[in-house]
Amino acid sequence: MKDYFDLSGKYALVVGASSGLGTQFAKALANQGANVAIAARRTDRLNELKTEIEALGVKCLSVACDVSDEESVITCADTVKKEFGRVDILCNNAGIDIFNDLFSYSSEMWDKTFDTNIRGMFLMSREIGKIMKEQMYGRVINTASIGGRFASEGNIAYYASKGAVINFTRGLAADLAPYNVTVNSIAPGVFDTELTHDTLDTPFAKESLARVPLKRFGKEGELDGILIYFASDSSSYCTGQTIFVDGGSTMIL
């Protein structure tokens, strides 16, 4: 019986792998048999993750990369291509979130958010897209957010950038479709990760929880299924789509 979710022999690159969802994504791909390159600015965290992934019996490559720096992105793509020979799966997961009220939100804060959350995604997709075009195969998975559909006060650049990710996914899917490359995005709701854990008891978090039909936040591992679907050949006829994994939040009026 064919296992449509088997990634054995595939080569993946997870960007923003040093913490949170990126770390989870790298482990999930490795658990399905993929060899994984992990990229981020914090190389000390990457080295710890590399050890964990190699213990699963697959190859792992650690690469320092700042997605807001074009030369860093180009170097990262070249390094992965040189070491792995190909890239079958790209997870664009690097992102930042700067809270501030509108009238105190500086242009520097805005630019920093967009440079990481959307410009970096474009740069990495362009460079890895060249590799996928050459091999006539690829799976690109972008990390969006329910913040790409809904918004609140005090986080304007993040919401704007995540909205851009959703439409960037559509545009990139159209550009790469002729080369047998699919592009989809995952839009998580609020998940309990190391980056969010200390904020989940705040009034804002409690208000958010009240709008979740399943009455809880997401848990580690609950994005793995949709990630593996998009990364595998099971999703070969699915492209340009965004799946919200949010406990039902986005279905509520």
C-alpha atoms as a PDB file:
ATOM      1  CA  MET A   1       0.000   0.000   0.000  1.00  0.00           C
ATOM      2  CA  LYS A   2       1.391   3.381  -0.982  1.00  0.00           C
ATOM      3  CA  ASP A   3       1.971   5.875   1.806  1.00  0.00           C
ATOM      4  CA  TYR A   4       1.032   9.213   0.236  1.00  0.00           C
ATOM      5  CA  PHE A   5       2.537  11.100   3.165  1.00  0.00           C
ATOM      6  CA  ASP A   6       5.959   9.452   3.064  1.00  0.00           C
ATOM      7  CA  LEU A   7       8.751  12.001   2.524  1.00  0.00           C
ATOM      8  CA  SER A   8      11.660   9.564   2.485  1.00  0.00           C
ATOM      9  CA  GLY A   9      14.398  10.759   0.158  1.00  0.00           C
ATOM     10  CA  LYS A  10      13.008  14.297  -0.070  1.00  0.00           C
ATOM     11  CA  TYR A  11      15.085  17.350   0.781  1.00  0.00           C
ATOM     12  CA  ALA A  12      13.483  20.201   2.711  1.00  0.00           C
ATOM     13  CA  LEU A  13      14.514  23.681   3.799  1.00  0.00           C
ATOM     14  CA  VAL A  14      12.799  25.184   6.835  1.00  0.00           C
ATOM     15  CA  VAL A  15      13.411  28.916   7.261  1.00  0.00           C
ATOM     16  CA  GLY A  16      12.925  30.399  10.718  1.00  0.00           C
ATOM     17  CA  ALA A  17      13.671  27.043  12.306  1.00  0.00           C
ATOM     18  CA  SER A  18      15.320  28.211  15.514  1.00  0.00           C
ATOM     19  CA  SER A  19      12.134  28.325  17.616  1.00  0.00           C
ATOM     20  CA  GLY A  20       8.381  27.886  17.766  1.00  0.00           C
ATOM     21  CA  LEU A  21       6.549  26.568  14.735  1.00  0.00           C
ATOM     22  CA  GLY A  22       9.713  26.427  12.635  1.00  0.00           C
ATOM     23  CA  THR A  23      11.302  23.952  15.030  1.00  0.00           C
ATOM     24  CA  GLN A  24       8.112  21.885  15.051  1.00  0.00           C
ATOM     25  CA  PHE A  25       7.925  21.917  11.247  1.00  0.00           C
ATOM     26  CA  ALA A  26      11.530  20.741  10.871  1.00  0.00           C
ATOM     27  CA  LYS A  27      10.933  17.834  13.258  1.00  0.00           C
ATOM     28  CA  ALA A  28       7.662  16.894  11.568  1.00  0.00           C
ATOM     29  CA  LEU A  29       9.290  16.700   8.142  1.00  0.00           C
ATOM     30  CA  ALA A  30      12.193  14.677   9.531  1.00  0.00           C
ATOM     31  CA  ASN A  31       9.786  12.275  11.240  1.00  0.00           C
ATOM     32  CA  GLN A  32       8.266  11.568   7.824  1.00  0.00           C
ATOM     33  CA  GLY A  33      11.691  10.738   6.396  1.00  0.00           C
ATOM     34  CA  ALA A  34      12.768  14.031   4.840  1.00  0.00           C
ATOM     35  CA  ASN A  35      16.325  15.308   5.038  1.00  0.00           C
ATOM     36  CA  VAL A  36      16.104  18.822   6.431  1.00  0.00           C
ATOM     37  CA  ALA A  37      18.137  22.001   6.106  1.00  0.00           C
ATOM     38  CA  ILE A  38      17.341  24.410   8.928  1.00  0.00           C
ATOM     39  CA  ALA A  39      17.977  28.138   8.573  1.00  0.00           C
ATOM     40  CA  ALA A  40      17.728  31.076  10.966  1.00  0.00           C
ATOM     41  CA  ARG A  41      19.802  33.838  12.509  1.00  0.00           C
ATOM     42  CA  ARG A  42      20.342  32.087  15.860  1.00  0.00           C
ATOM     43  CA  THR A  43      22.803  29.351  14.930  1.00  0.00           C
ATOM     44  CA  ASP A  44      23.214  28.163  18.533  1.00  0.00           C
ATOM     45  CA  ARG A  45      19.565  27.120  18.563  1.00  0.00           C
ATOM     46  CA  LEU A  46      19.975  25.518  15.139  1.00  0.00           C
ATOM     47  CA  ASN A  47      22.827  23.336  16.337  1.00  0.00           C
ATOM     48  CA  GLU A  48      20.662  21.928  19.135  1.00  0.00           C
ATOM     49  CA  LEU A  49      17.886  21.159  16.666  1.00  0.00           C
ATOM     50  CA  LYS A  50      20.334  19.595  14.215  1.00  0.00           C
ATOM     51  CA  THR A  51      21.326  17.028  16.826  1.00  0.00           C
ATOM     52  CA  GLU A  52      17.684  16.139  17.471  1.00  0.00           C
ATOM     53  CA  ILE A  53      16.897  15.756  13.778  1.00  0.00           C
ATOM     54  CA  GLU A  54      19.934  13.627  13.004  1.00  0.00           C
ATOM     55  CA  ALA A  55      18.885  11.308  15.824  1.00  0.00           C
ATOM     56  CA  LEU A  56      15.839  10.498  13.687  1.00  0.00           C
ATOM     57  CA  GLY A  57      18.108   8.949  11.055  1.00  0.00           C
ATOM     58  CA  VAL A  58      17.984  11.662   8.391  1.00  0.00           C
ATOM     59  CA  LYS A  59      20.466  14.260   7.179  1.00  0.00           C
ATOM     60  CA  CYS A  60      20.361  17.758   8.633  1.00  0.00           C
ATOM     61  CA  LEU A  61      22.169  20.879   7.497  1.00  0.00           C
ATOM     62  CA  SER A  62      22.344  24.014   9.650  1.00  0.00           C
ATOM     63  CA  VAL A  63      22.613  27.322   7.787  1.00  0.00           C
ATOM     64  CA  ALA A  64      22.822  30.831   9.206  1.00  0.00           C
ATOM     65  CA  CYS A  65      20.405  33.097   7.346  1.00  0.00           C
ATOM     66  CA  ASP A  66      18.821  36.507   7.803  1.00  0.00           C
ATOM     67  CA  VAL A  67      15.904  36.625   5.372  1.00  0.00           C
ATOM     68  CA  SER A  68      15.833  40.425   5.453  1.00  0.00           C
ATOM     69  CA  ASP A  69      19.322  40.435   3.870  1.00  0.00           C
ATOM     70  CA  GLU A  70      19.286  39.545   0.173  1.00  0.00           C
ATOM     71  CA  GLU A  71      22.882  38.328   0.051  1.00  0.00           C
ATOM     72  CA  SER A  72      22.260  36.126   3.096  1.00  0.00           C
ATOM     73  CA  VAL A  73      19.280  34.531   1.356  1.00  0.00           C
ATOM     74  CA  ILE A  74      21.240  33.912  -1.843  1.00  0.00           C
ATOM     75  CA  THR A  75      24.106  32.367   0.126  1.00  0.00           C
ATOM     76  CA  CYS A  76      21.666  30.148   2.043  1.00  0.00           C
ATOM     77  CA  ALA A  77      20.045  28.854  -1.147  1.00  0.00           C
ATOM     78  CA  ASP A  78      23.442  28.205  -2.753  1.00  0.00           C
ATOM     79  CA  THR A  79      24.684  26.363   0.347  1.00  0.00           C
ATOM     80  CA  VAL A  80      21.652  24.089   0.512  1.00  0.00           C
ATOM     81  CA  LYS A  81      21.826  23.353  -3.220  1.00  0.00           C
ATOM     82  CA  LYS A  82      25.536  22.531  -2.938  1.00  0.00           C
ATOM     83  CA  GLU A  83      25.110  20.232   0.058  1.00  0.00           C
ATOM     84  CA  PHE A  84      21.803  18.557  -0.822  1.00  0.00           C
ATOM     85  CA  GLY A  85      21.807  18.791  -4.605  1.00  0.00           C
ATOM     86  CA  ARG A  86      18.118  19.701  -4.691  1.00  0.00           C
ATOM     87  CA  VAL A  87      15.308  21.232  -2.632  1.00  0.00           C
ATOM     88  CA  ASP A  88      11.932  19.498  -2.802  1.00  0.00           C
ATOM     89  CA  ILE A  89      10.192  21.343   0.025  1.00  0.00           C
ATOM     90  CA  LEU A  90      10.509  24.943   1.189  1.00  0.00           C
ATOM     91  CA  CYS A  91       8.885  26.111   4.421  1.00  0.00           C
ATOM     92  CA  ASN A  92       8.871  29.907   4.613  1.00  0.00           C
ATOM     93  CA  ASN A  93       8.364  30.375   8.330  1.00  0.00           C
ATOM     94  CA  ALA A  94      10.561  33.331   9.350  1.00  0.00           C
ATOM     95  CA  GLY A  95       8.528  36.090  10.942  1.00  0.00           C
ATOM     96  CA  ILE A  96       8.471  38.818  13.567  1.00  0.00           C
ATOM     97  CA  ASP A  97       5.750  40.646  15.439  1.00  0.00           C
ATOM     98  CA  ILE A  98       6.174  44.182  16.792  1.00  0.00           C
ATOM     99  CA  PHE A  99       3.398  45.527  19.028  1.00  0.00           C
ATOM    100  CA  ASN A 100       2.794  49.271  19.285  1.00  0.00           C
ATOM    101  CA  ASP A 101      -0.054  51.726  18.940  1.00  0.00           C
ATOM    102  CA  LEU A 102      -0.549  53.393  15.580  1.00  0.00           C
ATOM    103  CA  PHE A 103       0.737  56.822  16.541  1.00  0.00           C
ATOM    104  CA  SER A 104       3.908  55.418  18.068  1.00  0.00           C
ATOM    105  CA  TYR A 105       4.502  52.938  15.254  1.00  0.00           C
ATOM    106  CA  SER A 106       7.664  54.072  13.511  1.00  0.00           C
ATOM    107  CA  SER A 107       8.495  53.584   9.869  1.00  0.00           C
ATOM    108  CA  GLU A 108      11.463  51.533  11.049  1.00  0.00           C
ATOM    109  CA  MET A 109       9.126  49.129  12.865  1.00  0.00           C
ATOM    110  CA  TRP A 110       6.962  48.869   9.758  1.00  0.00           C
ATOM    111  CA  ASP A 111       9.942  48.244   7.453  1.00  0.00           C
ATOM    112  CA  LYS A 112      11.500  45.672   9.787  1.00  0.00           C
ATOM    113  CA  THR A 113       8.248  43.714   9.935  1.00  0.00           C
ATOM    114  CA  PHE A 114       7.747  43.726   6.182  1.00  0.00           C
ATOM    115  CA  ASP A 115      11.409  43.000   5.463  1.00  0.00           C
ATOM    116  CA  THR A 116      11.149  39.779   7.449  1.00  0.00           C
ATOM    117  CA  ASN A 117       7.549  38.683   6.999  1.00  0.00           C
ATOM    118  CA  ILE A 118       7.028  39.284   3.289  1.00  0.00           C
ATOM    119  CA  ARG A 119      10.170  40.591   1.551  1.00  0.00           C
ATOM    120  CA  GLY A 120      12.198  37.738   3.054  1.00  0.00           C
ATOM    121  CA  MET A 121       9.566  35.257   1.900  1.00  0.00           C
ATOM    122  CA  PHE A 122       9.774  36.682  -1.617  1.00  0.00           C
ATOM    123  CA  LEU A 123      13.580  36.526  -1.686  1.00  0.00           C
ATOM    124  CA  MET A 124      13.749  32.945  -0.432  1.00  0.00           C
ATOM    125  CA  SER A 125      10.962  31.813  -2.763  1.00  0.00           C
ATOM    126  CA  ARG A 126      12.715  33.413  -5.732  1.00  0.00           C
ATOM    127  CA  GLU A 127      16.051  31.760  -4.995  1.00  0.00           C
ATOM    128  CA  ILE A 128      14.695  28.314  -4.082  1.00  0.00           C
ATOM    129  CA  GLY A 129      12.166  28.659  -6.906  1.00  0.00           C
ATOM    130  CA  LYS A 130      15.086  28.690  -9.347  1.00  0.00           C
ATOM    131  CA  ILE A 131      16.184  25.305  -8.012  1.00  0.00           C
ATOM    132  CA  MET A 132      12.653  23.901  -8.165  1.00  0.00           C
ATOM    133  CA  LYS A 133      12.190  25.180 -11.714  1.00  0.00           C
ATOM    134  CA  GLU A 134      15.369  23.405 -12.768  1.00  0.00           C
ATOM    135  CA  GLN A 135      14.279  20.106 -11.230  1.00  0.00           C
ATOM    136  CA  MET A 136      10.626  20.572 -12.352  1.00  0.00           C
ATOM    137  CA  TYR A 137       9.305  19.730  -8.903  1.00  0.00           C
ATOM    138  CA  GLY A 138       8.653  21.456  -5.632  1.00  0.00           C
ATOM    139  CA  ARG A 139       6.411  22.166  -2.672  1.00  0.00           C
ATOM    140  CA  VAL A 140       6.414  25.646  -1.117  1.00  0.00           C
ATOM    141  CA  ILE A 141       4.614  26.143   2.201  1.00  0.00           C
ATOM    142  CA  ASN A 142       4.249  29.663   3.610  1.00  0.00           C
ATOM    143  CA  THR A 143       3.304  30.500   7.171  1.00  0.00           C
ATOM    144  CA  ALA A 144       0.420  32.968   7.219  1.00  0.00           C
ATOM    145  CA  SER A 145      -1.860  33.649  10.199  1.00  0.00           C
ATOM    146  CA  ILE A 146      -5.459  34.272  11.153  1.00  0.00           C
ATOM    147  CA  GLY A 147      -4.056  37.804  11.434  1.00  0.00           C
ATOM    148  CA  GLY A 148      -4.053  37.797   7.636  1.00  0.00           C
ATOM    149  CA  ARG A 149      -7.855  37.794   7.710  1.00  0.00           C
ATOM    150  CA  PHE A 150      -8.701  39.463  11.020  1.00  0.00           C
ATOM    151  CA  ALA A 151      -7.067  42.341  12.860  1.00  0.00           C
ATOM    152  CA  SER A 152      -7.090  44.231  16.119  1.00  0.00           C
ATOM    153  CA  GLU A 153      -5.394  47.275  17.596  1.00  0.00           C
ATOM    154  CA  GLY A 154      -1.703  47.684  18.250  1.00  0.00           C
ATOM    155  CA  ASN A 155      -0.206  45.355  15.650  1.00  0.00           C
ATOM    156  CA  ILE A 156      -0.820  46.975  12.285  1.00  0.00           C
ATOM    157  CA  ALA A 157       2.324  45.917  10.401  1.00  0.00           C
ATOM    158  CA  TYR A 158       1.963  42.277  11.404  1.00  0.00           C
ATOM    159  CA  TYR A 159      -1.644  42.101  10.222  1.00  0.00           C
ATOM    160  CA  ALA A 160      -0.804  43.870   6.975  1.00  0.00           C
ATOM    161  CA  SER A 161       2.165  41.599   6.303  1.00  0.00           C
ATOM    162  CA  LYS A 162       0.229  38.402   6.997  1.00  0.00           C
ATOM    163  CA  GLY A 163      -2.547  39.560   4.692  1.00  0.00           C
ATOM    164  CA  ALA A 164       0.157  40.032   2.075  1.00  0.00           C
ATOM    165  CA  VAL A 165       1.411  36.476   2.646  1.00  0.00           C
ATOM    166  CA  ILE A 166      -1.976  35.057   1.655  1.00  0.00           C
ATOM    167  CA  ASN A 167      -2.069  36.863  -1.669  1.00  0.00           C
ATOM    168  CA  PHE A 168       1.671  36.356  -2.221  1.00  0.00           C
ATOM    169  CA  THR A 169       0.936  32.631  -1.969  1.00  0.00           C
ATOM    170  CA  ARG A 170      -1.599  32.919  -4.790  1.00  0.00           C
ATOM    171  CA  GLY A 171       0.725  34.932  -7.002  1.00  0.00           C
ATOM    172  CA  LEU A 172       3.693  32.634  -6.408  1.00  0.00           C
ATOM    173  CA  ALA A 173       1.511  29.603  -7.103  1.00  0.00           C
ATOM    174  CA  ALA A 174       0.598  31.047 -10.490  1.00  0.00           C
ATOM    175  CA  ASP A 175       4.233  31.823 -11.332  1.00  0.00           C
ATOM    176  CA  LEU A 176       5.532  28.370 -10.371  1.00  0.00           C
ATOM    177  CA  ALA A 177       2.663  26.206 -11.632  1.00  0.00           C
ATOM    178  CA  PRO A 178       4.281  25.618 -15.060  1.00  0.00           C
ATOM    179  CA  TYR A 179       7.217  23.953 -13.302  1.00  0.00           C
ATOM    180  CA  ASN A 180       5.204  21.397 -11.300  1.00  0.00           C
ATOM    181  CA  VAL A 181       5.677  23.429  -8.112  1.00  0.00           C
ATOM    182  CA  THR A 182       2.757  23.899  -5.755  1.00  0.00           C
ATOM    183  CA  VAL A 183       2.514  26.793  -3.306  1.00  0.00           C
ATOM    184  CA  ASN A 184       0.177  26.847  -0.321  1.00  0.00           C
ATOM    185  CA  SER A 185       0.040  28.510   3.066  1.00  0.00           C
ATOM    186  CA  ILE A 186      -0.898  27.524   6.596  1.00  0.00           C
ATOM    187  CA  ALA A 187      -2.684  30.136   8.696  1.00  0.00           C
ATOM    188  CA  PRO A 188      -2.476  29.168  12.365  1.00  0.00           C
ATOM    189  CA  GLY A 189      -4.656  30.580  15.080  1.00  0.00           C
ATOM    190  CA  VAL A 190      -3.155  31.077  18.525  1.00  0.00           C
ATOM    191  CA  PHE A 191      -0.809  28.224  19.425  1.00  0.00           C
ATOM    192  CA  ASP A 192       0.880  27.550  22.736  1.00  0.00           C
ATOM    193  CA  THR A 193       4.569  27.767  21.790  1.00  0.00           C
ATOM    194  CA  GLU A 194       7.670  29.010  23.577  1.00  0.00           C
ATOM    195  CA  LEU A 195       7.157  32.388  21.898  1.00  0.00           C
ATOM    196  CA  THR A 196       3.521  32.799  22.963  1.00  0.00           C
ATOM    197  CA  HIS A 197       3.240  30.824  26.207  1.00  0.00           C
ATOM    198  CA  ASP A 198       3.825  33.772  28.538  1.00  0.00           C
ATOM    199  CA  THR A 199       1.148  35.847  26.776  1.00  0.00           C
ATOM    200  CA  LEU A 200      -1.676  33.324  26.917  1.00  0.00           C
ATOM    201  CA  ASP A 201      -2.934  34.565  30.279  1.00  0.00           C
ATOM    202  CA  THR A 202      -3.317  38.186  29.183  1.00  0.00           C
ATOM    203  CA  PRO A 203      -6.730  39.883  28.749  1.00  0.00           C
ATOM    204  CA  PHE A 204      -6.205  39.987  24.968  1.00  0.00           C
ATOM    205  CA  ALA A 205      -5.488  36.246  24.873  1.00  0.00           C
ATOM    206  CA  LYS A 206      -8.570  35.510  26.969  1.00  0.00           C
ATOM    207  CA  GLU A 207     -10.697  37.594  24.591  1.00  0.00           C
ATOM    208  CA  SER A 208      -9.220  35.656  21.675  1.00  0.00           C
ATOM    209  CA  LEU A 209      -9.970  32.335  23.363  1.00  0.00           C
ATOM    210  CA  ALA A 210     -13.602  33.320  23.806  1.00  0.00           C
ATOM    211  CA  ARG A 211     -13.890  33.466  19.996  1.00  0.00           C
ATOM    212  CA  VAL A 212     -12.519  29.943  19.475  1.00  0.00           C
ATOM    213  CA  PRO A 213     -15.361  27.402  19.028  1.00  0.00           C
ATOM    214  CA  LEU A 214     -13.151  24.552  20.269  1.00  0.00           C
ATOM    215  CA  LYS A 215     -12.516  26.609  23.444  1.00  0.00           C
ATOM    216  CA  ARG A 216      -8.768  26.106  23.583  1.00  0.00           C
ATOM    217  CA  PHE A 217      -5.572  27.237  21.899  1.00  0.00           C
ATOM    218  CA  GLY A 218      -3.634  25.059  19.490  1.00  0.00           C
ATOM    219  CA  LYS A 219      -1.197  22.460  20.798  1.00  0.00           C
ATOM    220  CA  GLU A 220       2.195  21.353  19.561  1.00  0.00           C
ATOM    221  CA  GLY A 221       1.793  18.926  16.674  1.00  0.00           C
ATOM    222  CA  GLU A 222      -1.625  20.114  15.531  1.00  0.00           C
ATOM    223  CA  LEU A 223      -0.133  21.798  12.461  1.00  0.00           C
ATOM    224  CA  ASP A 224       1.898  18.744  11.459  1.00  0.00           C
ATOM    225  CA  GLY A 225      -0.900  17.104   9.495  1.00  0.00           C
ATOM    226  CA  ILE A 226      -1.559  20.008   7.145  1.00  0.00           C
ATOM    227  CA  LEU A 227       2.184  20.636   6.814  1.00  0.00           C
ATOM    228  CA  ILE A 228       2.850  17.045   5.724  1.00  0.00           C
ATOM    229  CA  TYR A 229      -0.132  17.158   3.365  1.00  0.00           C
ATOM    230  CA  PHE A 230       1.200  20.249   1.605  1.00  0.00           C
ATOM    231  CA  ALA A 231       4.759  18.844   1.575  1.00  0.00           C
ATOM    232  CA  SER A 232       3.796  15.471   0.142  1.00  0.00           C
ATOM    233  CA  ASP A 233       2.486  14.216  -3.175  1.00  0.00           C
ATOM    234  CA  SER A 234      -0.971  13.949  -1.601  1.00  0.00           C
ATOM    235  CA  SER A 235      -1.429  17.651  -2.402  1.00  0.00           C
ATOM    236  CA  SER A 236      -0.242  17.436  -6.027  1.00  0.00           C
ATOM    237  CA  TYR A 237      -3.438  19.119  -7.335  1.00  0.00           C
ATOM    238  CA  CYS A 238      -3.721  21.728  -4.582  1.00  0.00           C
ATOM    239  CA  THR A 239      -2.030  25.078  -5.090  1.00  0.00           C
ATOM    240  CA  GLY A 240      -2.588  28.720  -4.198  1.00  0.00           C
ATOM    241  CA  GLN A 241      -4.604  27.779  -1.122  1.00  0.00           C
ATOM    242  CA  THR A 242      -4.532  28.948   2.488  1.00  0.00           C
ATOM    243  CA  ILE A 243      -5.790  26.592   5.181  1.00  0.00           C
ATOM    244  CA  PHE A 244      -6.766  28.134   8.521  1.00  0.00           C
ATOM    245  CA  VAL A 245      -5.917  25.898  11.478  1.00  0.00           C
ATOM    246  CA  ASP A 246      -7.509  27.924  14.228  1.00  0.00           C
ATOM    247  CA  GLY A 247     -10.044  25.897  16.207  1.00  0.00           C
ATOM    248  CA  GLY A 248     -12.792  27.396  14.072  1.00  0.00           C
ATOM    249  CA  SER A 249     -12.054  31.067  14.839  1.00  0.00           C
ATOM    250  CA  THR A 250     -12.400  32.276  11.261  1.00  0.00           C
ATOM    251  CA  MET A 251     -15.820  30.699  10.768  1.00  0.00           C
ATOM    252  CA  ILE A 252     -17.433  32.931  13.383  1.00  0.00           C
ATOM    253  CA  LEU A 253     -19.213  36.116  12.287  1.00  0.00           C
END
